Amino acid sequence: MGISQEELAERAMLHRTYISDVERGARNVSLHSIERLARALEISLPALFSYDVRPPGAGSEMQPKKPKN
């Protein structure tokens, strides 16, 4: 997505150091914070938890899967 921790924190109304801790796996994230992060990233909760691992060189290694209709 290409946004900074600071911008994500601002969008999600969370502290930048909290975002950093989440990225490093140093925090247990509450459901409330997960919802805030999804909204800040403009993706659905299912999309936040879905990923597609692609081979190196095929774009980003982790891409959100498109929801099934």
PDB file of N, CA and C in Angstrom:
ATOM      1  N   MET A   1       0.836  -1.181   0.000  1.00  0.00           N
ATOM      2  CA  MET A   1       0.000   0.000   0.000  1.00  0.00           C
ATOM      3  C   MET A   1       0.883   1.248   0.000  1.00  0.00           C
ATOM      4  N   GLY A   2       2.058   1.169   0.573  1.00  0.00           N
ATOM      5  CA  GLY A   2       2.983   2.277   0.485  1.00  0.00           C
ATOM      6  C   GLY A   2       2.714   3.452   1.399  1.00  0.00           C
ATOM      7  N   ILE A   3       2.222   3.206   2.612  1.00  0.00           N
ATOM      8  CA  ILE A   3       2.045   4.316   3.557  1.00  0.00           C
ATOM      9  C   ILE A   3       2.957   4.094   4.759  1.00  0.00           C
ATOM     10  N   SER A   4       3.293   5.163   5.412  1.00  0.00           N
ATOM     11  CA  SER A   4       4.185   5.086   6.567  1.00  0.00           C
ATOM     12  C   SER A   4       3.425   4.611   7.805  1.00  0.00           C
ATOM     13  N   GLN A   5       4.182   4.171   8.792  1.00  0.00           N
ATOM     14  CA  GLN A   5       3.587   3.809  10.079  1.00  0.00           C
ATOM     15  C   GLN A   5       2.846   5.002  10.663  1.00  0.00           C
ATOM     16  N   GLU A   6       3.434   6.157  10.523  1.00  0.00           N
ATOM     17  CA  GLU A   6       2.821   7.373  11.060  1.00  0.00           C
ATOM     18  C   GLU A   6       1.468   7.653  10.398  1.00  0.00           C
ATOM     19  N   GLU A   7       1.409   7.529   9.079  1.00  0.00           N
ATOM     20  CA  GLU A   7       0.151   7.766   8.377  1.00  0.00           C
ATOM     21  C   GLU A   7      -0.889   6.708   8.747  1.00  0.00           C
ATOM     22  N   LEU A   8      -0.476   5.440   8.810  1.00  0.00           N
ATOM     23  CA  LEU A   8      -1.400   4.378   9.201  1.00  0.00           C
ATOM     24  C   LEU A   8      -1.919   4.614  10.610  1.00  0.00           C
ATOM     25  N   ALA A   9      -1.031   4.983  11.515  1.00  0.00           N
ATOM     26  CA  ALA A   9      -1.429   5.248  12.899  1.00  0.00           C
ATOM     27  C   ALA A   9      -2.457   6.382  12.951  1.00  0.00           C
ATOM     28  N   GLU A  10      -2.205   7.418  12.193  1.00  0.00           N
ATOM     29  CA  GLU A  10      -3.129   8.563  12.170  1.00  0.00           C
ATOM     30  C   GLU A  10      -4.495   8.142  11.624  1.00  0.00           C
ATOM     31  N   ARG A  11      -4.482   7.411  10.511  1.00  0.00           N
ATOM     32  CA  ARG A  11      -5.739   6.957   9.908  1.00  0.00           C
ATOM     33  C   ARG A  11      -6.525   6.048  10.847  1.00  0.00           C
ATOM     34  N   ALA A  12      -5.797   5.189  11.589  1.00  0.00           N
ATOM     35  CA  ALA A  12      -6.443   4.214  12.472  1.00  0.00           C
ATOM     36  C   ALA A  12      -6.691   4.763  13.877  1.00  0.00           C
ATOM     37  N   MET A  13      -6.236   5.974  14.118  1.00  0.00           N
ATOM     38  CA  MET A  13      -6.343   6.589  15.444  1.00  0.00           C
ATOM     39  C   MET A  13      -5.651   5.726  16.512  1.00  0.00           C
ATOM     40  N   LEU A  14      -4.443   5.270  16.154  1.00  0.00           N
ATOM     41  CA  LEU A  14      -3.597   4.496  17.054  1.00  0.00           C
ATOM     42  C   LEU A  14      -2.240   5.189  17.127  1.00  0.00           C
ATOM     43  N   HIS A  15      -1.444   4.856  18.120  1.00  0.00           N
ATOM     44  CA  HIS A  15      -0.122   5.475  18.257  1.00  0.00           C
ATOM     45  C   HIS A  15       0.869   4.807  17.305  1.00  0.00           C
ATOM     46  N   ARG A  16       1.790   5.584  16.761  1.00  0.00           N
ATOM     47  CA  ARG A  16       2.782   5.051  15.818  1.00  0.00           C
ATOM     48  C   ARG A  16       3.590   3.926  16.431  1.00  0.00           C
ATOM     49  N   THR A  17       3.960   4.031  17.698  1.00  0.00           N
ATOM     50  CA  THR A  17       4.754   2.965  18.320  1.00  0.00           C
ATOM     51  C   THR A  17       3.938   1.679  18.453  1.00  0.00           C
ATOM     52  N   TYR A  18       2.625   1.818  18.584  1.00  0.00           N
ATOM     53  CA  TYR A  18       1.749   0.641  18.622  1.00  0.00           C
ATOM     54  C   TYR A  18       1.806  -0.078  17.271  1.00  0.00           C
ATOM     55  N   ILE A  19       1.730   0.701  16.179  1.00  0.00           N
ATOM     56  CA  ILE A  19       1.821   0.130  14.832  1.00  0.00           C
ATOM     57  C   ILE A  19       3.152  -0.591  14.665  1.00  0.00           C
ATOM     58  N   SER A  20       4.224   0.026  15.110  1.00  0.00           N
ATOM     59  CA  SER A  20       5.543  -0.581  15.030  1.00  0.00           C
ATOM     60  C   SER A  20       5.589  -1.894  15.803  1.00  0.00           C
ATOM     61  N   ASP A  21       5.044  -1.900  17.005  1.00  0.00           N
ATOM     62  CA  ASP A  21       5.014  -3.113  17.827  1.00  0.00           C
ATOM     63  C   ASP A  21       4.208  -4.224  17.158  1.00  0.00           C
ATOM     64  N   VAL A  22       3.094  -3.861  16.530  1.00  0.00           N
ATOM     65  CA  VAL A  22       2.263  -4.847  15.832  1.00  0.00           C
ATOM     66  C   VAL A  22       3.059  -5.455  14.676  1.00  0.00           C
ATOM     67  N   GLU A  23       3.743  -4.616  13.907  1.00  0.00           N
ATOM     68  CA  GLU A  23       4.550  -5.101  12.775  1.00  0.00           C
ATOM     69  C   GLU A  23       5.623  -6.076  13.239  1.00  0.00           C
ATOM     70  N   ARG A  24       6.205  -5.808  14.393  1.00  0.00           N
ATOM     71  CA  ARG A  24       7.280  -6.668  14.909  1.00  0.00           C
ATOM     72  C   ARG A  24       6.759  -7.881  15.668  1.00  0.00           C
ATOM     73  N   GLY A  25       5.439  -7.963  15.846  1.00  0.00           N
ATOM     74  CA  GLY A  25       4.863  -9.078  16.587  1.00  0.00           C
ATOM     75  C   GLY A  25       5.038  -8.954  18.083  1.00  0.00           C
ATOM     76  N   ALA A  26       5.283  -7.735  18.555  1.00  0.00           N
ATOM     77  CA  ALA A  26       5.524  -7.504  19.979  1.00  0.00           C
ATOM     78  C   ALA A  26       4.248  -7.163  20.742  1.00  0.00           C
ATOM     79  N   ARG A  27       3.127  -7.086  20.056  1.00  0.00           N
ATOM     80  CA  ARG A  27       1.848  -6.736  20.683  1.00  0.00           C
ATOM     81  C   ARG A  27       0.798  -7.758  20.316  1.00  0.00           C
ATOM     82  N   ASN A  28      -0.094  -8.023  21.243  1.00  0.00           N
ATOM     83  CA  ASN A  28      -1.318  -8.754  20.949  1.00  0.00           C
ATOM     84  C   ASN A  28      -2.335  -7.697  20.548  1.00  0.00           C
ATOM     85  N   VAL A  29      -2.906  -7.840  19.371  1.00  0.00           N
ATOM     86  CA  VAL A  29      -3.795  -6.818  18.829  1.00  0.00           C
ATOM     87  C   VAL A  29      -5.239  -7.143  19.213  1.00  0.00           C
ATOM     88  N   SER A  30      -5.940  -6.151  19.734  1.00  0.00           N
ATOM     89  CA  SER A  30      -7.348  -6.338  20.098  1.00  0.00           C
ATOM     90  C   SER A  30      -8.208  -6.349  18.839  1.00  0.00           C
ATOM     91  N   LEU A  31      -9.400  -6.920  18.951  1.00  0.00           N
ATOM     92  CA  LEU A  31     -10.326  -6.910  17.821  1.00  0.00           C
ATOM     93  C   LEU A  31     -10.683  -5.489  17.418  1.00  0.00           C
ATOM     94  N   HIS A  32     -10.786  -4.611  18.395  1.00  0.00           N
ATOM     95  CA  HIS A  32     -11.087  -3.201  18.117  1.00  0.00           C
ATOM     96  C   HIS A  32      -9.973  -2.574  17.262  1.00  0.00           C
ATOM     97  N   SER A  33      -8.727  -2.846  17.609  1.00  0.00           N
ATOM     98  CA  SER A  33      -7.604  -2.297  16.842  1.00  0.00           C
ATOM     99  C   SER A  33      -7.534  -2.915  15.455  1.00  0.00           C
ATOM    100  N   ILE A  34      -7.853  -4.209  15.339  1.00  0.00           N
ATOM    101  CA  ILE A  34      -7.864  -4.860  14.031  1.00  0.00           C
ATOM    102  C   ILE A  34      -8.896  -4.191  13.127  1.00  0.00           C
ATOM    103  N   GLU A  35     -10.056  -3.899  13.679  1.00  0.00           N
ATOM    104  CA  GLU A  35     -11.089  -3.224  12.905  1.00  0.00           C
ATOM    105  C   GLU A  35     -10.618  -1.832  12.469  1.00  0.00           C
ATOM    106  N   ARG A  36      -9.979  -1.112  13.371  1.00  0.00           N
ATOM    107  CA  ARG A  36      -9.453   0.220  13.027  1.00  0.00           C
ATOM    108  C   ARG A  36      -8.416   0.142  11.917  1.00  0.00           C
ATOM    109  N   LEU A  37      -7.538  -0.859  11.997  1.00  0.00           N
ATOM    110  CA  LEU A  37      -6.505  -1.021  10.977  1.00  0.00           C
ATOM    111  C   LEU A  37      -7.124  -1.349   9.618  1.00  0.00           C
ATOM    112  N   ALA A  38      -8.116  -2.234   9.596  1.00  0.00           N
ATOM    113  CA  ALA A  38      -8.777  -2.568   8.330  1.00  0.00           C
ATOM    114  C   ALA A  38      -9.419  -1.332   7.719  1.00  0.00           C
ATOM    115  N   ARG A  39     -10.110  -0.564   8.527  1.00  0.00           N
ATOM    116  CA  ARG A  39     -10.740   0.665   8.013  1.00  0.00           C
ATOM    117  C   ARG A  39      -9.689   1.644   7.500  1.00  0.00           C
ATOM    118  N   ALA A  40      -8.597   1.783   8.238  1.00  0.00           N
ATOM    119  CA  ALA A  40      -7.528   2.709   7.833  1.00  0.00           C
ATOM    120  C   ALA A  40      -6.901   2.268   6.511  1.00  0.00           C
ATOM    121  N   LEU A  41      -6.837   0.965   6.285  1.00  0.00           N
ATOM    122  CA  LEU A  41      -6.265   0.428   5.054  1.00  0.00           C
ATOM    123  C   LEU A  41      -7.308   0.312   3.938  1.00  0.00           C
ATOM    124  N   GLU A  42      -8.563   0.645   4.286  1.00  0.00           N
ATOM    125  CA  GLU A  42      -9.669   0.604   3.331  1.00  0.00           C
ATOM    126  C   GLU A  42      -9.859  -0.786   2.738  1.00  0.00           C
ATOM    127  N   ILE A  43      -9.791  -1.799   3.620  1.00  0.00           N
ATOM    128  CA  ILE A  43     -10.039  -3.178   3.215  1.00  0.00           C
ATOM    129  C   ILE A  43     -10.991  -3.819   4.217  1.00  0.00           C
ATOM    130  N   SER A  44     -11.626  -4.891   3.807  1.00  0.00           N
ATOM    131  CA  SER A  44     -12.545  -5.597   4.703  1.00  0.00           C
ATOM    132  C   SER A  44     -11.751  -6.434   5.702  1.00  0.00           C
ATOM    133  N   LEU A  45     -12.412  -6.816   6.780  1.00  0.00           N
ATOM    134  CA  LEU A  45     -11.753  -7.694   7.759  1.00  0.00           C
ATOM    135  C   LEU A  45     -11.328  -9.017   7.127  1.00  0.00           C
ATOM    136  N   PRO A  46     -12.188  -9.680   6.324  1.00  0.00           N
ATOM    137  CA  PRO A  46     -11.727 -10.918   5.687  1.00  0.00           C
ATOM    138  C   PRO A  46     -10.495 -10.703   4.804  1.00  0.00           C
ATOM    139  N   ALA A  47     -10.445  -9.590   4.098  1.00  0.00           N
ATOM    140  CA  ALA A  47      -9.293  -9.305   3.242  1.00  0.00           C
ATOM    141  C   ALA A  47      -8.025  -9.092   4.076  1.00  0.00           C
ATOM    142  N   LEU A  48      -8.188  -8.524   5.259  1.00  0.00           N
ATOM    143  CA  LEU A  48      -7.035  -8.293   6.135  1.00  0.00           C
ATOM    144  C   LEU A  48      -6.399  -9.618   6.557  1.00  0.00           C
ATOM    145  N   PHE A  49      -7.221 -10.644   6.727  1.00  0.00           N
ATOM    146  CA  PHE A  49      -6.726 -11.939   7.190  1.00  0.00           C
ATOM    147  C   PHE A  49      -6.428 -12.921   6.064  1.00  0.00           C
ATOM    148  N   SER A  50      -6.680 -12.539   4.828  1.00  0.00           N
ATOM    149  CA  SER A  50      -6.414 -13.395   3.672  1.00  0.00           C
ATOM    150  C   SER A  50      -5.144 -12.933   2.993  1.00  0.00           C
ATOM    151  N   TYR A  51      -4.356 -13.877   2.550  1.00  0.00           N
ATOM    152  CA  TYR A  51      -3.174 -13.492   1.787  1.00  0.00           C
ATOM    153  C   TYR A  51      -2.839 -14.577   0.785  1.00  0.00           C
ATOM    154  N   ASP A  52      -2.085 -14.168  -0.199  1.00  0.00           N
ATOM    155  CA  ASP A  52      -1.698 -15.008  -1.309  1.00  0.00           C
ATOM    156  C   ASP A  52      -0.178 -14.922  -1.389  1.00  0.00           C
ATOM    157  N   VAL A  53       0.505 -16.016  -1.127  1.00  0.00           N
ATOM    158  CA  VAL A  53       1.963 -16.004  -1.190  1.00  0.00           C
ATOM    159  C   VAL A  53       2.363 -16.276  -2.631  1.00  0.00           C
ATOM    160  N   ARG A  54       3.104 -15.347  -3.200  1.00  0.00           N
ATOM    161  CA  ARG A  54       3.522 -15.464  -4.594  1.00  0.00           C
ATOM    162  C   ARG A  54       5.017 -15.726  -4.661  1.00  0.00           C
ATOM    163  N   PRO A  55       5.471 -16.356  -5.740  1.00  0.00           N
ATOM    164  CA  PRO A  55       6.902 -16.608  -5.881  1.00  0.00           C
ATOM    165  C   PRO A  55       7.682 -15.297  -5.991  1.00  0.00           C
ATOM    166  N   PRO A  56       8.926 -15.284  -5.533  1.00  0.00           N
ATOM    167  CA  PRO A  56       9.741 -14.071  -5.647  1.00  0.00           C
ATOM    168  C   PRO A  56       9.759 -13.560  -7.086  1.00  0.00           C
ATOM    169  N   GLY A  57       9.683 -12.258  -7.230  1.00  0.00           N
ATOM    170  CA  GLY A  57       9.709 -11.636  -8.544  1.00  0.00           C
ATOM    171  C   GLY A  57       8.338 -11.533  -9.200  1.00  0.00           C
ATOM    172  N   ALA A  58       7.312 -12.074  -8.535  1.00  0.00           N
ATOM    173  CA  ALA A  58       5.960 -12.030  -9.114  1.00  0.00           C
ATOM    174  C   ALA A  58       5.131 -10.941  -8.458  1.00  0.00           C
ATOM    175  N   GLY A  59       5.765  -9.868  -8.063  1.00  0.00           N
ATOM    176  CA  GLY A  59       5.045  -8.802  -7.367  1.00  0.00           C
ATOM    177  C   GLY A  59       5.235  -8.943  -5.870  1.00  0.00           C
ATOM    178  N   SER A  60       4.423  -8.262  -5.131  1.00  0.00           N
ATOM    179  CA  SER A  60       4.499  -8.318  -3.680  1.00  0.00           C
ATOM    180  C   SER A  60       4.300  -9.747  -3.216  1.00  0.00           C
ATOM    181  N   GLU A  61       5.048 -10.170  -2.216  1.00  0.00           N
ATOM    182  CA  GLU A  61       4.955 -11.542  -1.745  1.00  0.00           C
ATOM    183  C   GLU A  61       3.632 -11.838  -1.052  1.00  0.00           C
ATOM    184  N   MET A  62       3.016 -10.838  -0.444  1.00  0.00           N
ATOM    185  CA  MET A  62       1.746 -11.059   0.212  1.00  0.00           C
ATOM    186  C   MET A  62       0.717 -10.085  -0.348  1.00  0.00           C
ATOM    187  N   GLN A  63      -0.236 -10.614  -1.076  1.00  0.00           N
ATOM    188  CA  GLN A  63      -1.295  -9.811  -1.666  1.00  0.00           C
ATOM    189  C   GLN A  63      -2.623 -10.247  -1.058  1.00  0.00           C
ATOM    190  N   PRO A  64      -3.489  -9.314  -0.694  1.00  0.00           N
ATOM    191  CA  PRO A  64      -4.816  -9.713  -0.204  1.00  0.00           C
ATOM    192  C   PRO A  64      -5.560 -10.487  -1.285  1.00  0.00           C
ATOM    193  N   LYS A  65      -6.228 -11.563  -0.880  1.00  0.00           N
ATOM    194  CA  LYS A  65      -7.050 -12.313  -1.822  1.00  0.00           C
ATOM    195  C   LYS A  65      -8.337 -11.550  -2.075  1.00  0.00           C
ATOM    196  N   LYS A  66      -8.872 -11.707  -3.258  1.00  0.00           N
ATOM    197  CA  LYS A  66     -10.164 -11.103  -3.560  1.00  0.00           C
ATOM    198  C   LYS A  66     -11.242 -11.967  -2.916  1.00  0.00           C
ATOM    199  N   PRO A  67     -12.202 -11.338  -2.215  1.00  0.00           N
ATOM    200  CA  PRO A  67     -13.262 -12.123  -1.585  1.00  0.00           C
ATOM    201  C   PRO A  67     -14.071 -12.905  -2.619  1.00  0.00           C
ATOM    202  N   LYS A  68     -14.497 -14.114  -2.237  1.00  0.00           N
ATOM    203  CA  LYS A  68     -15.337 -14.923  -3.124  1.00  0.00           C
ATOM    204  C   LYS A  68     -16.765 -14.433  -3.003  1.00  0.00           C
ATOM    205  N   ASN A  69     -17.437 -14.345  -4.122  1.00  0.00           N
ATOM    206  CA  ASN A  69     -18.835 -13.892  -4.139  1.00  0.00           C
ATOM    207  C   ASN A  69     -19.773 -15.046  -4.031  1.00  0.00           C
TER     208      ASN A  69
END
